[in-house]
Amino acid sequence: MFAAENGLKGDPRLQAISDAIRVIPHFPKPGIMFQDITTLLLNHKVFKDTVDIFVDRYKDMDISVVAGIEARGFMFGPSIALAIGAKFVPLRKPGKLPGDVISEAYELEYGKDCLEMHIDAVQRGERAVVIDDLVATGGTLSAAIKLLESMEAEVVECACVIGLPEAKGRQSRLNGKPLYILVEPREFEGYC
């Protein structure tokens, strides 16, 4: 669900978040309209508002794990985890974590990839939320859910700053897990 459909309709923070995202056409390959959140991070108020919206949503849900997907999930996840009193678990690309890991392969809209997690990162019964910057096909979030559930954690919800309107229909791919999205992708408006 989009935040505007869940009590935040007309909230000026959502428009500010959308406005702060830069669109880079044809990156990382032709046809992709890359939603660059680094410009959102440059505006401390908008960055704080983004984190605050997620914190408000999760602070009373008894979440013990915030799992952030490499790399842009790392930009929001730790702040959310600290604010709600949860631990942060990084879900990384292959070969980035030392020690024993579990892996889950997945398909992207423009290729294949894999996520890894330390085998001792989560415990059975812990309640987790998965954070990333954008959901398109749902493949990355699905891999994250599988990793956490393979260690018997309970994935409560997945959350993204940006989501395609059709992402709401991706819950079958997310094993029925709810999906919370702040804004839709921006359109390319040309260079200044």
C-alpha atoms as a PDB file:
ATOM      1  CA  MET A   1       0.000   0.000   0.000  1.00  0.00           C
ATOM      2  CA  PHE A   2       1.077   3.542  -0.580  1.00  0.00           C
ATOM      3  CA  ALA A   3       1.476   5.810   2.441  1.00  0.00           C
ATOM      4  CA  ALA A   4      -1.094   8.220   0.975  1.00  0.00           C
ATOM      5  CA  GLU A   5      -3.667   5.395   1.128  1.00  0.00           C
ATOM      6  CA  ASN A   6      -2.809   4.733   4.749  1.00  0.00           C
ATOM      7  CA  GLY A   7      -3.507   7.967   6.582  1.00  0.00           C
ATOM      8  CA  LEU A   8      -0.908  10.221   4.929  1.00  0.00           C
ATOM      9  CA  LYS A   9      -2.990  11.538   2.023  1.00  0.00           C
ATOM     10  CA  GLY A  10      -2.096  15.191   1.533  1.00  0.00           C
ATOM     11  CA  ASP A  11       0.911  14.965   3.863  1.00  0.00           C
ATOM     12  CA  PRO A  12       3.387  17.531   2.467  1.00  0.00           C
ATOM     13  CA  ARG A  13       6.305  15.293   3.463  1.00  0.00           C
ATOM     14  CA  LEU A  14       5.380  12.828   0.718  1.00  0.00           C
ATOM     15  CA  GLN A  15       5.509  15.504  -1.971  1.00  0.00           C
ATOM     16  CA  ALA A  16       8.840  16.766  -0.601  1.00  0.00           C
ATOM     17  CA  ILE A  17      10.230  13.213  -0.710  1.00  0.00           C
ATOM     18  CA  SER A  18       9.077  12.774  -4.297  1.00  0.00           C
ATOM     19  CA  ASP A  19      10.463  16.160  -5.315  1.00  0.00           C
ATOM     20  CA  ALA A  20      13.860  15.332  -3.780  1.00  0.00           C
ATOM     21  CA  ILE A  21      14.398  12.252  -5.966  1.00  0.00           C
ATOM     22  CA  ARG A  22      16.417  12.773  -9.157  1.00  0.00           C
ATOM     23  CA  VAL A  23      15.709  10.699 -12.270  1.00  0.00           C
ATOM     24  CA  ILE A  24      18.681   9.509 -14.340  1.00  0.00           C
ATOM     25  CA  PRO A  25      17.564   8.127 -17.724  1.00  0.00           C
ATOM     26  CA  HIS A  26      19.189   5.045 -19.233  1.00  0.00           C
ATOM     27  CA  PHE A  27      21.063   4.004 -16.081  1.00  0.00           C
ATOM     28  CA  PRO A  28      22.400   1.379 -15.512  1.00  0.00           C
ATOM     29  CA  LYS A  29      21.309   0.416 -19.012  1.00  0.00           C
ATOM     30  CA  PRO A  30      19.171   1.831 -21.849  1.00  0.00           C
ATOM     31  CA  GLY A  31      15.485   2.035 -21.032  1.00  0.00           C
ATOM     32  CA  ILE A  32      15.865   2.214 -17.241  1.00  0.00           C
ATOM     33  CA  MET A  33      14.731   5.444 -15.557  1.00  0.00           C
ATOM     34  CA  PHE A  34      16.910   5.259 -12.434  1.00  0.00           C
ATOM     35  CA  GLN A  35      15.366   6.809  -9.323  1.00  0.00           C
ATOM     36  CA  ASP A  36      18.362   8.416  -7.599  1.00  0.00           C
ATOM     37  CA  ILE A  37      17.747   8.835  -3.870  1.00  0.00           C
ATOM     38  CA  THR A  38      21.165  10.384  -3.231  1.00  0.00           C
ATOM     39  CA  THR A  39      19.583  13.787  -3.870  1.00  0.00           C
ATOM     40  CA  LEU A  40      17.007  13.007  -1.168  1.00  0.00           C
ATOM     41  CA  LEU A  41      19.871  12.281   1.249  1.00  0.00           C
ATOM     42  CA  LEU A  42      21.392  15.713   0.543  1.00  0.00           C
ATOM     43  CA  ASN A  43      18.352  17.397   2.069  1.00  0.00           C
ATOM     44  CA  HIS A  44      18.528  16.670   5.802  1.00  0.00           C
ATOM     45  CA  LYS A  45      14.895  17.650   6.418  1.00  0.00           C
ATOM     46  CA  VAL A  46      13.521  15.400   3.680  1.00  0.00           C
ATOM     47  CA  PHE A  47      15.840  12.569   4.728  1.00  0.00           C
ATOM     48  CA  LYS A  48      14.633  12.926   8.328  1.00  0.00           C
ATOM     49  CA  ASP A  49      10.998  13.047   7.197  1.00  0.00           C
ATOM     50  CA  THR A  50      11.513   9.834   5.210  1.00  0.00           C
ATOM     51  CA  VAL A  51      12.956   8.043   8.228  1.00  0.00           C
ATOM     52  CA  ASP A  52      10.301   9.527  10.547  1.00  0.00           C
ATOM     53  CA  ILE A  53       7.440   8.194   8.416  1.00  0.00           C
ATOM     54  CA  PHE A  54       8.867   4.675   8.639  1.00  0.00           C
ATOM     55  CA  VAL A  55       9.593   5.056  12.365  1.00  0.00           C
ATOM     56  CA  ASP A  56       6.007   6.208  13.026  1.00  0.00           C
ATOM     57  CA  ARG A  57       4.740   3.150  11.184  1.00  0.00           C
ATOM     58  CA  TYR A  58       6.946   0.573  12.936  1.00  0.00           C
ATOM     59  CA  LYS A  59       7.520   1.948  16.448  1.00  0.00           C
ATOM     60  CA  ASP A  60       4.553   0.103  17.977  1.00  0.00           C
ATOM     61  CA  MET A  61       4.718  -3.119  15.928  1.00  0.00           C
ATOM     62  CA  ASP A  62       7.175  -4.994  18.172  1.00  0.00           C
ATOM     63  CA  ILE A  63       9.803  -5.128  15.407  1.00  0.00           C
ATOM     64  CA  SER A  64      13.125  -6.570  16.586  1.00  0.00           C
ATOM     65  CA  VAL A  65      14.935  -6.659  13.207  1.00  0.00           C
ATOM     66  CA  VAL A  66      15.262  -4.073  10.470  1.00  0.00           C
ATOM     67  CA  ALA A  67      16.847  -5.819   7.485  1.00  0.00           C
ATOM     68  CA  GLY A  68      18.322  -3.448   4.912  1.00  0.00           C
ATOM     69  CA  ILE A  69      19.046  -4.504   1.351  1.00  0.00           C
ATOM     70  CA  GLU A  70      22.437  -3.502  -0.079  1.00  0.00           C
ATOM     71  CA  ALA A  71      23.171  -0.807  -0.735  1.00  0.00           C
ATOM     72  CA  ARG A  72      20.445   1.801  -0.576  1.00  0.00           C
ATOM     73  CA  GLY A  73      18.502  -0.020   2.135  1.00  0.00           C
ATOM     74  CA  PHE A  74      21.567   0.658   4.294  1.00  0.00           C
ATOM     75  CA  MET A  75      20.866   4.392   4.063  1.00  0.00           C
ATOM     76  CA  PHE A  76      17.500   4.171   5.803  1.00  0.00           C
ATOM     77  CA  GLY A  77      17.573   0.918   7.762  1.00  0.00           C
ATOM     78  CA  PRO A  78      20.067   1.758  10.528  1.00  0.00           C
ATOM     79  CA  SER A  79      18.306   5.034  11.421  1.00  0.00           C
ATOM     80  CA  ILE A  80      14.940   3.279  11.554  1.00  0.00           C
ATOM     81  CA  ALA A  81      16.371   0.439  13.645  1.00  0.00           C
ATOM     82  CA  LEU A  82      17.930   2.834  16.167  1.00  0.00           C
ATOM     83  CA  ALA A  83      14.739   4.854  16.487  1.00  0.00           C
ATOM     84  CA  ILE A  84      12.504   1.829  17.145  1.00  0.00           C
ATOM     85  CA  GLY A  85      14.988  -0.069  19.322  1.00  0.00           C
ATOM     86  CA  ALA A  86      15.655  -2.886  16.856  1.00  0.00           C
ATOM     87  CA  LYS A  87      18.832  -4.373  15.469  1.00  0.00           C
ATOM     88  CA  PHE A  88      19.947  -3.700  11.921  1.00  0.00           C
ATOM     89  CA  VAL A  89      20.764  -6.692   9.716  1.00  0.00           C
ATOM     90  CA  PRO A  90      22.540  -6.010   6.409  1.00  0.00           C
ATOM     91  CA  LEU A  91      21.519  -8.162   3.449  1.00  0.00           C
ATOM     92  CA  ARG A  92      24.566  -8.046   1.182  1.00  0.00           C
ATOM     93  CA  LYS A  93      25.759  -8.970  -2.285  1.00  0.00           C
ATOM     94  CA  PRO A  94      27.857 -12.165  -2.509  1.00  0.00           C
ATOM     95  CA  GLY A  95      31.310 -12.180  -0.946  1.00  0.00           C
ATOM     96  CA  LYS A  96      30.814  -9.063   1.213  1.00  0.00           C
ATOM     97  CA  LEU A  97      30.099 -10.715   4.562  1.00  0.00           C
ATOM     98  CA  PRO A  98      32.762 -12.604   6.509  1.00  0.00           C
ATOM     99  CA  GLY A  99      31.854 -15.828   8.285  1.00  0.00           C
ATOM    100  CA  ASP A 100      29.048 -18.252   7.619  1.00  0.00           C
ATOM    101  CA  VAL A 101      26.255 -16.974   5.410  1.00  0.00           C
ATOM    102  CA  ILE A 102      23.130 -18.178   3.679  1.00  0.00           C
ATOM    103  CA  SER A 103      22.328 -17.069   0.136  1.00  0.00           C
ATOM    104  CA  GLU A 104      19.273 -16.471  -2.009  1.00  0.00           C
ATOM    105  CA  ALA A 105      19.426 -15.840  -5.769  1.00  0.00           C
ATOM    106  CA  TYR A 106      16.852 -13.648  -7.501  1.00  0.00           C
ATOM    107  CA  GLU A 107      16.069 -11.945 -10.800  1.00  0.00           C
ATOM    108  CA  LEU A 108      16.103  -8.208 -11.402  1.00  0.00           C
ATOM    109  CA  GLU A 109      14.340  -6.316 -14.155  1.00  0.00           C
ATOM    110  CA  TYR A 110      17.753  -6.118 -15.856  1.00  0.00           C
ATOM    111  CA  GLY A 111      19.645  -9.246 -14.748  1.00  0.00           C
ATOM    112  CA  LYS A 112      20.251 -11.691 -11.900  1.00  0.00           C
ATOM    113  CA  ASP A 113      21.756 -11.240  -8.454  1.00  0.00           C
ATOM    114  CA  CYS A 114      22.057 -12.816  -5.025  1.00  0.00           C
ATOM    115  CA  LEU A 115      21.680 -11.703  -1.412  1.00  0.00           C
ATOM    116  CA  GLU A 116      23.536 -13.090   1.591  1.00  0.00           C
ATOM    117  CA  MET A 117      22.963 -12.861   5.323  1.00  0.00           C
ATOM    118  CA  HIS A 118      24.978 -14.088   8.304  1.00  0.00           C
ATOM    119  CA  ILE A 119      23.451 -17.294   9.632  1.00  0.00           C
ATOM    120  CA  ASP A 120      23.435 -15.910  13.171  1.00  0.00           C
ATOM    121  CA  ALA A 121      21.945 -12.503  12.275  1.00  0.00           C
ATOM    122  CA  VAL A 122      18.372 -13.340  13.253  1.00  0.00           C
ATOM    123  CA  GLN A 123      16.795 -15.724  15.699  1.00  0.00           C
ATOM    124  CA  ARG A 124      13.707 -17.853  15.461  1.00  0.00           C
ATOM    125  CA  GLY A 125      10.544 -15.846  16.090  1.00  0.00           C
ATOM    126  CA  GLU A 126      12.089 -12.402  15.710  1.00  0.00           C
ATOM    127  CA  ARG A 127       9.804  -9.912  13.966  1.00  0.00           C
ATOM    128  CA  ALA A 128      11.415  -8.250  10.963  1.00  0.00           C
ATOM    129  CA  VAL A 129      10.751  -5.481   8.495  1.00  0.00           C
ATOM    130  CA  VAL A 130      12.696  -5.350   5.216  1.00  0.00           C
ATOM    131  CA  ILE A 131      13.796  -1.911   3.949  1.00  0.00           C
ATOM    132  CA  ASP A 132      14.935  -0.924   0.454  1.00  0.00           C
ATOM    133  CA  ASP A 133      14.812   2.211  -1.637  1.00  0.00           C
ATOM    134  CA  LEU A 134      12.692   0.944  -4.551  1.00  0.00           C
ATOM    135  CA  VAL A 135      10.468  -1.958  -5.513  1.00  0.00           C
ATOM    136  CA  ALA A 136       9.936  -2.778  -9.175  1.00  0.00           C
ATOM    137  CA  THR A 137       9.495  -6.507  -9.794  1.00  0.00           C
ATOM    138  CA  GLY A 138       9.688  -7.550  -6.145  1.00  0.00           C
ATOM    139  CA  GLY A 139      12.532 -10.015  -6.764  1.00  0.00           C
ATOM    140  CA  THR A 140      14.965  -8.466  -4.296  1.00  0.00           C
ATOM    141  CA  LEU A 141      12.350  -8.201  -1.551  1.00  0.00           C
ATOM    142  CA  SER A 142      11.283 -11.786  -2.195  1.00  0.00           C
ATOM    143  CA  ALA A 143      14.884 -12.971  -1.761  1.00  0.00           C
ATOM    144  CA  ALA A 144      15.154 -10.987   1.481  1.00  0.00           C
ATOM    145  CA  ILE A 145      11.969 -12.572   2.823  1.00  0.00           C
ATOM    146  CA  LYS A 146      13.247 -16.055   1.970  1.00  0.00           C
ATOM    147  CA  LEU A 147      16.560 -15.400   3.753  1.00  0.00           C
ATOM    148  CA  LEU A 148      14.866 -14.184   6.929  1.00  0.00           C
ATOM    149  CA  GLU A 149      12.212 -16.885   6.917  1.00  0.00           C
ATOM    150  CA  SER A 150      14.812 -19.606   6.344  1.00  0.00           C
ATOM    151  CA  MET A 151      16.156 -18.647   9.791  1.00  0.00           C
ATOM    152  CA  GLU A 152      12.556 -18.737  11.130  1.00  0.00           C
ATOM    153  CA  ALA A 153      12.170 -14.994  11.579  1.00  0.00           C
ATOM    154  CA  GLU A 154       8.714 -13.539  10.977  1.00  0.00           C
ATOM    155  CA  VAL A 155       8.698 -10.938   8.219  1.00  0.00           C
ATOM    156  CA  VAL A 156       5.995  -8.464   9.198  1.00  0.00           C
ATOM    157  CA  GLU A 157       6.266  -6.144   6.208  1.00  0.00           C
ATOM    158  CA  CYS A 158       8.478  -4.852   3.408  1.00  0.00           C
ATOM    159  CA  ALA A 159       8.946  -1.106   3.016  1.00  0.00           C
ATOM    160  CA  CYS A 160      10.345   1.020   0.207  1.00  0.00           C
ATOM    161  CA  VAL A 161      10.696   4.727  -0.405  1.00  0.00           C
ATOM    162  CA  ILE A 162       9.654   4.354  -4.067  1.00  0.00           C
ATOM    163  CA  GLY A 163       7.345   1.837  -5.691  1.00  0.00           C
ATOM    164  CA  LEU A 164       5.818   1.400  -9.114  1.00  0.00           C
ATOM    165  CA  PRO A 165       2.003   1.603  -8.987  1.00  0.00           C
ATOM    166  CA  GLU A 166       1.820  -2.031 -10.122  1.00  0.00           C
ATOM    167  CA  ALA A 167       4.026  -3.014  -7.149  1.00  0.00           C
ATOM    168  CA  LYS A 168       0.891  -3.234  -5.023  1.00  0.00           C
ATOM    169  CA  GLY A 169       0.021  -6.363  -6.979  1.00  0.00           C
ATOM    170  CA  ARG A 170       3.373  -7.989  -6.188  1.00  0.00           C
ATOM    171  CA  GLN A 171       2.318  -9.392  -2.831  1.00  0.00           C
ATOM    172  CA  SER A 172       1.969 -12.878  -4.304  1.00  0.00           C
ATOM    173  CA  ARG A 173       5.662 -12.691  -5.121  1.00  0.00           C
ATOM    174  CA  LEU A 174       6.318 -11.468  -1.569  1.00  0.00           C
ATOM    175  CA  ASN A 175       4.688 -14.558  -0.029  1.00  0.00           C
ATOM    176  CA  GLY A 176       1.666 -12.425   0.836  1.00  0.00           C
ATOM    177  CA  LYS A 177       3.695 -10.000   2.973  1.00  0.00           C
ATOM    178  CA  PRO A 178       2.397  -6.437   3.109  1.00  0.00           C
ATOM    179  CA  LEU A 179       4.289  -3.824   1.123  1.00  0.00           C
ATOM    180  CA  TYR A 180       4.473  -0.204   2.335  1.00  0.00           C
ATOM    181  CA  ILE A 181       5.591   2.437  -0.186  1.00  0.00           C
ATOM    182  CA  LEU A 182       6.039   6.165   0.337  1.00  0.00           C
ATOM    183  CA  VAL A 183       5.962   7.554  -3.231  1.00  0.00           C
ATOM    184  CA  GLU A 184       5.651   6.566  -6.879  1.00  0.00           C
ATOM    185  CA  PRO A 185       8.643   6.942  -9.229  1.00  0.00           C
ATOM    186  CA  ARG A 186       9.304  10.362 -10.637  1.00  0.00           C
ATOM    187  CA  GLU A 187       9.251  11.105 -14.334  1.00  0.00           C
ATOM    188  CA  PHE A 188      12.330  12.423 -16.096  1.00  0.00           C
ATOM    189  CA  GLU A 189      12.060  16.203 -16.383  1.00  0.00           C
ATOM    190  CA  GLY A 190      15.251  16.973 -18.283  1.00  0.00           C
ATOM    191  CA  TYR A 191      18.520  18.432 -17.169  1.00  0.00           C
ATOM    192  CA  CYS A 192      18.965  21.911 -15.711  1.00  0.00           C
END
